[in-house]
PDB file of N, CA and C in Angstrom:
ATOM      1  N   UNK A   1     -29.954  -1.826  -9.294  1.00  0.00           N
ATOM      2  CA  UNK A   1     -29.629  -2.186  -7.931  1.00  0.00           C
ATOM      3  C   UNK A   1     -28.119  -1.990  -7.719  1.00  0.00           C
ATOM      4  N   UNK A   2     -27.686  -1.279  -6.682  1.00  0.00           N
ATOM      5  CA  UNK A   2     -26.259  -1.046  -6.456  1.00  0.00           C
ATOM      6  C   UNK A   2     -25.537  -2.322  -6.028  1.00  0.00           C
ATOM      7  N   UNK A   3     -24.229  -2.342  -6.386  1.00  0.00           N
ATOM      8  CA  UNK A   3     -23.395  -3.464  -5.959  1.00  0.00           C
ATOM      9  C   UNK A   3     -23.253  -3.433  -4.453  1.00  0.00           C
ATOM     10  N   UNK A   4     -23.285  -4.609  -3.825  1.00  0.00           N
ATOM     11  CA  UNK A   4     -23.018  -4.655  -2.394  1.00  0.00           C
ATOM     12  C   UNK A   4     -21.644  -5.284  -2.196  1.00  0.00           C
ATOM     13  N   UNK A   5     -20.922  -4.792  -1.209  1.00  0.00           N
ATOM     14  CA  UNK A   5     -19.584  -5.274  -0.924  1.00  0.00           C
ATOM     15  C   UNK A   5     -19.605  -6.212   0.268  1.00  0.00           C
ATOM     16  N   UNK A   6     -18.757  -7.241   0.237  1.00  0.00           N
ATOM     17  CA  UNK A   6     -18.655  -8.095   1.412  1.00  0.00           C
ATOM     18  C   UNK A   6     -17.996  -7.321   2.554  1.00  0.00           C
ATOM     19  N   UNK A   7     -18.082  -7.866   3.754  1.00  0.00           N
ATOM     20  CA  UNK A   7     -17.465  -7.205   4.912  1.00  0.00           C
ATOM     21  C   UNK A   7     -15.966  -7.040   4.737  1.00  0.00           C
ATOM     22  N   UNK A   8     -15.297  -8.013   4.129  1.00  0.00           N
ATOM     23  CA  UNK A   8     -13.850  -7.933   3.906  1.00  0.00           C
ATOM     24  C   UNK A   8     -13.582  -8.265   2.450  1.00  0.00           C
ATOM     25  N   UNK A   9     -12.773  -7.444   1.818  1.00  0.00           N
ATOM     26  CA  UNK A   9     -12.421  -7.680   0.424  1.00  0.00           C
ATOM     27  C   UNK A   9     -11.172  -8.544   0.351  1.00  0.00           C
ATOM     28  N   UNK A  10     -11.123  -9.417  -0.623  1.00  0.00           N
ATOM     29  CA  UNK A  10      -9.951 -10.245  -0.863  1.00  0.00           C
ATOM     30  C   UNK A  10      -9.127  -9.550  -1.944  1.00  0.00           C
ATOM     31  N   UNK A  11      -8.163  -8.744  -1.519  1.00  0.00           N
ATOM     32  CA  UNK A  11      -7.376  -7.932  -2.444  1.00  0.00           C
ATOM     33  C   UNK A  11      -5.971  -8.484  -2.601  1.00  0.00           C
ATOM     34  N   UNK A  12      -5.326  -8.188  -3.728  1.00  0.00           N
ATOM     35  CA  UNK A  12      -3.932  -8.604  -3.906  1.00  0.00           C
ATOM     36  C   UNK A  12      -3.032  -7.951  -2.855  1.00  0.00           C
ATOM     37  N   UNK A  13      -1.933  -8.607  -2.568  1.00  0.00           N
ATOM     38  CA  UNK A  13      -0.969  -8.087  -1.598  1.00  0.00           C
ATOM     39  C   UNK A  13      -0.287  -6.846  -2.174  1.00  0.00           C
ATOM     40  N   UNK A  14      -0.198  -5.759  -1.405  1.00  0.00           N
ATOM     41  CA  UNK A  14       0.541  -4.579  -1.879  1.00  0.00           C
ATOM     42  C   UNK A  14       2.006  -4.938  -2.101  1.00  0.00           C
ATOM     43  N   UNK A  15       2.670  -4.197  -2.973  1.00  0.00           N
ATOM     44  CA  UNK A  15       4.063  -4.467  -3.320  1.00  0.00           C
ATOM     45  C   UNK A  15       4.957  -3.311  -2.899  1.00  0.00           C
ATOM     46  N   UNK A  16       6.108  -3.636  -2.313  1.00  0.00           N
ATOM     47  CA  UNK A  16       7.137  -2.640  -2.050  1.00  0.00           C
ATOM     48  C   UNK A  16       7.878  -2.441  -3.362  1.00  0.00           C
ATOM     49  N   UNK A  17       7.805  -1.253  -3.926  1.00  0.00           N
ATOM     50  CA  UNK A  17       8.363  -0.970  -5.247  1.00  0.00           C
ATOM     51  C   UNK A  17       9.860  -1.271  -5.300  1.00  0.00           C
ATOM     52  N   UNK A  18      10.572  -1.022  -4.223  1.00  0.00           N
ATOM     53  CA  UNK A  18      12.021  -1.202  -4.195  1.00  0.00           C
ATOM     54  C   UNK A  18      12.453  -2.669  -4.028  1.00  0.00           C
ATOM     55  N   UNK A  19      11.509  -3.558  -3.816  1.00  0.00           N
ATOM     56  CA  UNK A  19      11.823  -4.979  -3.647  1.00  0.00           C
ATOM     57  C   UNK A  19      11.915  -5.664  -5.013  1.00  0.00           C
ATOM     58  N   UNK A  20      12.590  -6.822  -5.025  1.00  0.00           N
ATOM     59  CA  UNK A  20      12.673  -7.586  -6.265  1.00  0.00           C
ATOM     60  C   UNK A  20      11.402  -8.413  -6.448  1.00  0.00           C
ATOM     61  N   UNK A  21      11.370  -9.233  -7.497  1.00  0.00           N
ATOM     62  CA  UNK A  21      10.162 -10.003  -7.808  1.00  0.00           C
ATOM     63  C   UNK A  21       9.810 -11.026  -6.730  1.00  0.00           C
ATOM     64  N   UNK A  22      10.782 -11.366  -5.865  1.00  0.00           N
ATOM     65  CA  UNK A  22      10.520 -12.274  -4.750  1.00  0.00           C
ATOM     66  C   UNK A  22      10.076 -11.537  -3.489  1.00  0.00           C
ATOM     67  N   UNK A  23       9.965 -10.205  -3.571  1.00  0.00           N
ATOM     68  CA  UNK A  23       9.547  -9.415  -2.421  1.00  0.00           C
ATOM     69  C   UNK A  23      10.672  -9.093  -1.457  1.00  0.00           C
ATOM     70  N   UNK A  24      11.920  -9.313  -1.880  1.00  0.00           N
ATOM     71  CA  UNK A  24      13.071  -9.067  -1.019  1.00  0.00           C
ATOM     72  C   UNK A  24      13.805  -7.795  -1.437  1.00  0.00           C
ATOM     73  N   UNK A  25      14.351  -7.117  -0.432  1.00  0.00           N
ATOM     74  CA  UNK A  25      15.205  -5.952  -0.684  1.00  0.00           C
ATOM     75  C   UNK A  25      16.640  -6.420  -0.483  1.00  0.00           C
ATOM     76  N   UNK A  26      17.374  -6.582  -1.579  1.00  0.00           N
ATOM     77  CA  UNK A  26      18.737  -7.119  -1.516  1.00  0.00           C
ATOM     78  C   UNK A  26      19.709  -6.120  -0.903  1.00  0.00           C
ATOM     79  N   UNK A  27      19.503  -4.850  -1.206  1.00  0.00           N
ATOM     80  CA  UNK A  27      20.383  -3.795  -0.695  1.00  0.00           C
ATOM     81  C   UNK A  27      19.534  -2.800   0.091  1.00  0.00           C
ATOM     82  N   UNK A  28      19.556  -2.877   1.438  1.00  0.00           N
ATOM     83  CA  UNK A  28      18.700  -1.996   2.234  1.00  0.00           C
ATOM     84  C   UNK A  28      19.011  -0.511   2.061  1.00  0.00           C
ATOM     85  N   UNK A  29      20.142  -0.196   1.468  1.00  0.00           N
ATOM     86  CA  UNK A  29      20.469   1.227   1.237  1.00  0.00           C
ATOM     87  C   UNK A  29      19.472   1.893   0.296  1.00  0.00           C
ATOM     88  N   UNK A  30      18.768   1.105  -0.522  1.00  0.00           N
ATOM     89  CA  UNK A  30      17.777   1.701  -1.423  1.00  0.00           C
ATOM     90  C   UNK A  30      16.611   2.300  -0.650  1.00  0.00           C
ATOM     91  N   UNK A  31      16.494   1.950   0.643  1.00  0.00           N
ATOM     92  CA  UNK A  31      15.401   2.464   1.473  1.00  0.00           C
ATOM     93  C   UNK A  31      15.844   3.563   2.438  1.00  0.00           C
ATOM     94  N   UNK A  32      17.062   4.048   2.285  1.00  0.00           N
ATOM     95  CA  UNK A  32      17.562   5.092   3.191  1.00  0.00           C
ATOM     96  C   UNK A  32      16.711   6.355   3.156  1.00  0.00           C
ATOM     97  N   UNK A  33      16.108   6.643   2.029  1.00  0.00           N
ATOM     98  CA  UNK A  33      15.253   7.830   1.905  1.00  0.00           C
ATOM     99  C   UNK A  33      13.776   7.486   1.927  1.00  0.00           C
ATOM    100  N   UNK A  34      13.463   6.268   2.361  1.00  0.00           N
ATOM    101  CA  UNK A  34      12.074   5.833   2.407  1.00  0.00           C
ATOM    102  C   UNK A  34      11.781   4.860   1.285  1.00  0.00           C
ATOM    103  N   UNK A  35      10.546   4.427   1.214  1.00  0.00           N
ATOM    104  CA  UNK A  35      10.133   3.473   0.196  1.00  0.00           C
ATOM    105  C   UNK A  35       8.737   3.772  -0.289  1.00  0.00           C
ATOM    106  N   UNK A  36       8.329   3.024  -1.294  1.00  0.00           N
ATOM    107  CA  UNK A  36       7.010   3.206  -1.887  1.00  0.00           C
ATOM    108  C   UNK A  36       6.280   1.876  -1.918  1.00  0.00           C
ATOM    109  N   UNK A  37       5.072   1.874  -1.384  1.00  0.00           N
ATOM    110  CA  UNK A  37       4.218   0.698  -1.449  1.00  0.00           C
ATOM    111  C   UNK A  37       3.130   0.984  -2.479  1.00  0.00           C
ATOM    112  N   UNK A  38       3.025   0.070  -3.452  1.00  0.00           N
ATOM    113  CA  UNK A  38       2.018   0.209  -4.511  1.00  0.00           C
ATOM    114  C   UNK A  38       0.863  -0.741  -4.223  1.00  0.00           C
ATOM    115  N   UNK A  39      -0.336  -0.180  -4.236  1.00  0.00           N
ATOM    116  CA  UNK A  39      -1.571  -0.943  -4.058  1.00  0.00           C
ATOM    117  C   UNK A  39      -2.313  -0.927  -5.386  1.00  0.00           C
ATOM    118  N   UNK A  40      -2.565  -2.110  -5.935  1.00  0.00           N
ATOM    119  CA  UNK A  40      -3.273  -2.228  -7.214  1.00  0.00           C
ATOM    120  C   UNK A  40      -4.371  -3.283  -7.096  1.00  0.00           C
ATOM    121  N   UNK A  41      -5.500  -3.009  -7.700  1.00  0.00           N
ATOM    122  CA  UNK A  41      -6.549  -4.028  -7.806  1.00  0.00           C
ATOM    123  C   UNK A  41      -7.520  -3.631  -8.898  1.00  0.00           C
ATOM    124  N   UNK A  42      -8.168  -4.665  -9.449  1.00  0.00           N
ATOM    125  CA  UNK A  42      -9.141  -4.458 -10.521  1.00  0.00           C
ATOM    126  C   UNK A  42     -10.333  -3.665 -10.016  1.00  0.00           C
ATOM    127  N   UNK A  43     -10.873  -2.859 -10.897  1.00  0.00           N
ATOM    128  CA  UNK A  43     -12.092  -2.086 -10.629  1.00  0.00           C
ATOM    129  C   UNK A  43     -11.919  -1.077  -9.493  1.00  0.00           C
ATOM    130  N   UNK A  44     -10.696  -0.566  -9.304  1.00  0.00           N
ATOM    131  CA  UNK A  44     -10.479   0.496  -8.313  1.00  0.00           C
ATOM    132  C   UNK A  44     -11.264   1.729  -8.759  1.00  0.00           C
ATOM    133  N   UNK A  45     -11.947   2.329  -7.826  1.00  0.00           N
ATOM    134  CA  UNK A  45     -12.775   3.500  -8.117  1.00  0.00           C
ATOM    135  C   UNK A  45     -12.222   4.724  -7.397  1.00  0.00           C
ATOM    136  N   UNK A  46     -12.412   5.920  -7.964  1.00  0.00           N
ATOM    137  CA  UNK A  46     -11.973   7.142  -7.284  1.00  0.00           C
ATOM    138  C   UNK A  46     -12.657   7.348  -5.937  1.00  0.00           C
ATOM    139  N   UNK A  47     -13.779   6.695  -5.727  1.00  0.00           N
ATOM    140  CA  UNK A  47     -14.504   6.811  -4.456  1.00  0.00           C
ATOM    141  C   UNK A  47     -14.021   5.811  -3.409  1.00  0.00           C
ATOM    142  N   UNK A  48     -13.142   4.880  -3.802  1.00  0.00           N
ATOM    143  CA  UNK A  48     -12.577   3.931  -2.838  1.00  0.00           C
ATOM    144  C   UNK A  48     -11.643   4.678  -1.893  1.00  0.00           C
ATOM    145  N   UNK A  49     -11.726   4.374  -0.625  1.00  0.00           N
ATOM    146  CA  UNK A  49     -10.820   4.956   0.389  1.00  0.00           C
ATOM    147  C   UNK A  49      -9.890   3.839   0.826  1.00  0.00           C
ATOM    148  N   UNK A  50      -8.594   4.006   0.581  1.00  0.00           N
ATOM    149  CA  UNK A  50      -7.619   2.937   0.789  1.00  0.00           C
ATOM    150  C   UNK A  50      -6.685   3.308   1.927  1.00  0.00           C
ATOM    151  N   UNK A  51      -6.554   2.393   2.877  1.00  0.00           N
ATOM    152  CA  UNK A  51      -5.701   2.602   4.039  1.00  0.00           C
ATOM    153  C   UNK A  51      -4.596   1.561   4.031  1.00  0.00           C
ATOM    154  N   UNK A  52      -3.378   1.999   4.280  1.00  0.00           N
ATOM    155  CA  UNK A  52      -2.235   1.107   4.393  1.00  0.00           C
ATOM    156  C   UNK A  52      -1.778   1.097   5.842  1.00  0.00           C
ATOM    157  N   UNK A  53      -1.719  -0.085   6.432  1.00  0.00           N
ATOM    158  CA  UNK A  53      -1.188  -0.232   7.789  1.00  0.00           C
ATOM    159  C   UNK A  53       0.221  -0.792   7.682  1.00  0.00           C
ATOM    160  N   UNK A  54       1.191  -0.053   8.173  1.00  0.00           N
ATOM    161  CA  UNK A  54       2.600  -0.423   8.110  1.00  0.00           C
ATOM    162  C   UNK A  54       3.065  -0.735   9.523  1.00  0.00           C
ATOM    163  N   UNK A  55       3.158  -2.022   9.885  1.00  0.00           N
ATOM    164  CA  UNK A  55       3.506  -2.365  11.271  1.00  0.00           C
ATOM    165  C   UNK A  55       4.948  -2.009  11.612  1.00  0.00           C
ATOM    166  N   UNK A  56       5.137  -1.539  12.836  1.00  0.00           N
ATOM    167  CA  UNK A  56       6.470  -1.262  13.372  1.00  0.00           C
ATOM    168  C   UNK A  56       6.661  -2.127  14.601  1.00  0.00           C
ATOM    169  N   UNK A  57       7.845  -2.626  14.768  1.00  0.00           N
ATOM    170  CA  UNK A  57       8.134  -3.464  15.930  1.00  0.00           C
ATOM    171  C   UNK A  57       8.009  -2.650  17.207  1.00  0.00           C
ATOM    172  N   UNK A  58       7.218  -3.145  18.143  1.00  0.00           N
ATOM    173  CA  UNK A  58       7.121  -2.542  19.460  1.00  0.00           C
ATOM    174  C   UNK A  58       6.284  -1.286  19.572  1.00  0.00           C
ATOM    175  N   UNK A  59       5.549  -0.910  18.527  1.00  0.00           N
ATOM    176  CA  UNK A  59       4.711   0.287  18.645  1.00  0.00           C
ATOM    177  C   UNK A  59       3.525   0.190  17.685  1.00  0.00           C
ATOM    178  N   UNK A  60       2.688   1.197  17.755  1.00  0.00           N
ATOM    179  CA  UNK A  60       1.494   1.216  16.917  1.00  0.00           C
ATOM    180  C   UNK A  60       1.857   1.543  15.468  1.00  0.00           C
ATOM    181  N   UNK A  61       0.867   1.457  14.618  1.00  0.00           N
ATOM    182  CA  UNK A  61       1.076   1.792  13.220  1.00  0.00           C
ATOM    183  C   UNK A  61       1.433   3.270  13.066  1.00  0.00           C
ATOM    184  N   UNK A  62       2.359   3.604  12.158  1.00  0.00           N
ATOM    185  CA  UNK A  62       2.667   5.010  11.925  1.00  0.00           C
ATOM    186  C   UNK A  62       1.516   5.703  11.193  1.00  0.00           C
ATOM    187  N   UNK A  63       1.464   7.015  11.275  1.00  0.00           N
ATOM    188  CA  UNK A  63       0.357   7.750  10.644  1.00  0.00           C
ATOM    189  C   UNK A  63       0.567   7.909   9.134  1.00  0.00           C
ATOM    190  N   UNK A  64       0.075   6.948   8.374  1.00  0.00           N
ATOM    191  CA  UNK A  64       0.121   7.037   6.912  1.00  0.00           C
ATOM    192  C   UNK A  64      -1.286   7.407   6.462  1.00  0.00           C
ATOM    193  N   UNK A  65      -1.392   8.526   5.773  1.00  0.00           N
ATOM    194  CA  UNK A  65      -2.705   9.044   5.374  1.00  0.00           C
ATOM    195  C   UNK A  65      -3.388   8.124   4.367  1.00  0.00           C
ATOM    196  N   UNK A  66      -4.680   7.825   4.571  1.00  0.00           N
ATOM    197  CA  UNK A  66      -5.437   7.073   3.560  1.00  0.00           C
ATOM    198  C   UNK A  66      -5.499   7.865   2.256  1.00  0.00           C
ATOM    199  N   UNK A  67      -5.739   7.154   1.169  1.00  0.00           N
ATOM    200  CA  UNK A  67      -5.838   7.796  -0.144  1.00  0.00           C
ATOM    201  C   UNK A  67      -7.097   7.319  -0.857  1.00  0.00           C
ATOM    202  N   UNK A  68      -7.548   8.134  -1.798  1.00  0.00           N
ATOM    203  CA  UNK A  68      -8.653   7.734  -2.659  1.00  0.00           C
ATOM    204  C   UNK A  68      -8.101   6.895  -3.799  1.00  0.00           C
ATOM    205  N   UNK A  69      -8.955   6.025  -4.353  1.00  0.00           N
ATOM    206  CA  UNK A  69      -8.555   5.161  -5.458  1.00  0.00           C
ATOM    207  C   UNK A  69      -8.109   5.944  -6.673  1.00  0.00           C
ATOM    208  N   UNK A  70      -7.267   5.316  -7.472  1.00  0.00           N
ATOM    209  CA  UNK A  70      -6.764   5.942  -8.692  1.00  0.00           C
ATOM    210  C   UNK A  70      -7.461   5.396  -9.921  1.00  0.00           C
ATOM    211  N   UNK A  71      -7.516   6.186 -10.948  1.00  0.00           N
ATOM    212  CA  UNK A  71      -8.204   5.806 -12.174  1.00  0.00           C
ATOM    213  C   UNK A  71      -7.541   4.670 -12.927  1.00  0.00           C
ATOM    214  N   UNK A  72      -6.229   4.466 -12.712  1.00  0.00           N
ATOM    215  CA  UNK A  72      -5.535   3.394 -13.433  1.00  0.00           C
ATOM    216  C   UNK A  72      -5.487   2.092 -12.650  1.00  0.00           C
ATOM    217  N   UNK A  73      -6.137   2.041 -11.468  1.00  0.00           N
ATOM    218  CA  UNK A  73      -6.178   0.819 -10.679  1.00  0.00           C
ATOM    219  C   UNK A  73      -5.039   0.655  -9.704  1.00  0.00           C
ATOM    220  N   UNK A  74      -4.175   1.675  -9.563  1.00  0.00           N
ATOM    221  CA  UNK A  74      -3.048   1.604  -8.638  1.00  0.00           C
ATOM    222  C   UNK A  74      -2.862   2.952  -7.939  1.00  0.00           C
ATOM    223  N   UNK A  75      -2.402   2.900  -6.703  1.00  0.00           N
ATOM    224  CA  UNK A  75      -1.973   4.097  -5.983  1.00  0.00           C
ATOM    225  C   UNK A  75      -0.669   3.769  -5.266  1.00  0.00           C
ATOM    226  N   UNK A  76       0.100   4.797  -4.956  1.00  0.00           N
ATOM    227  CA  UNK A  76       1.364   4.630  -4.248  1.00  0.00           C
ATOM    228  C   UNK A  76       1.310   5.331  -2.900  1.00  0.00           C
ATOM    229  N   UNK A  77       1.826   4.637  -1.891  1.00  0.00           N
ATOM    230  CA  UNK A  77       1.993   5.212  -0.560  1.00  0.00           C
ATOM    231  C   UNK A  77       3.498   5.396  -0.314  1.00  0.00           C
ATOM    232  N   UNK A  78       3.904   6.584   0.062  1.00  0.00           N
ATOM    233  CA  UNK A  78       5.297   6.820   0.450  1.00  0.00           C
ATOM    234  C   UNK A  78       5.465   6.464   1.921  1.00  0.00           C
ATOM    235  N   UNK A  79       6.490   5.656   2.213  1.00  0.00           N
ATOM    236  CA  UNK A  79       6.802   5.257   3.586  1.00  0.00           C
ATOM    237  C   UNK A  79       8.094   5.961   3.980  1.00  0.00           C
ATOM    238  N   UNK A  80       8.049   6.913   4.911  1.00  0.00           N
ATOM    239  CA  UNK A  80       9.266   7.615   5.320  1.00  0.00           C
ATOM    240  C   UNK A  80      10.305   6.649   5.906  1.00  0.00           C
ATOM    241  N   UNK A  81      11.555   7.003   5.765  1.00  0.00           N
ATOM    242  CA  UNK A  81      12.665   6.142   6.188  1.00  0.00           C
ATOM    243  C   UNK A  81      12.595   5.785   7.669  1.00  0.00           C
ATOM    244  N   UNK A  82      12.069   6.657   8.522  1.00  0.00           N
ATOM    245  CA  UNK A  82      12.037   6.363   9.960  1.00  0.00           C
ATOM    246  C   UNK A  82      11.090   5.211  10.295  1.00  0.00           C
ATOM    247  N   UNK A  83      10.264   4.767   9.358  1.00  0.00           N
ATOM    248  CA  UNK A  83       9.348   3.660   9.603  1.00  0.00           C
ATOM    249  C   UNK A  83       9.929   2.389   9.051  1.00  0.00           C
TER     250      UNK A  83
END
């Protein structure tokens, strides 16, 4: 019998790679060329389709392409500096 998924998954919070362990960016200059958001969770499958929504003040979400799951349980999304 195949596994069934709930309507909403309870996943760990994605991490901004350039942030410190408290989730803060002490020197915003490290993001002048953009940043990287890492999404990791147990049992990630290559068939998983992962979408990152990056909110911007006063406008809709920027077009960040969804990605398929990675074999090591983590994937990285590049966030361009203009976002």
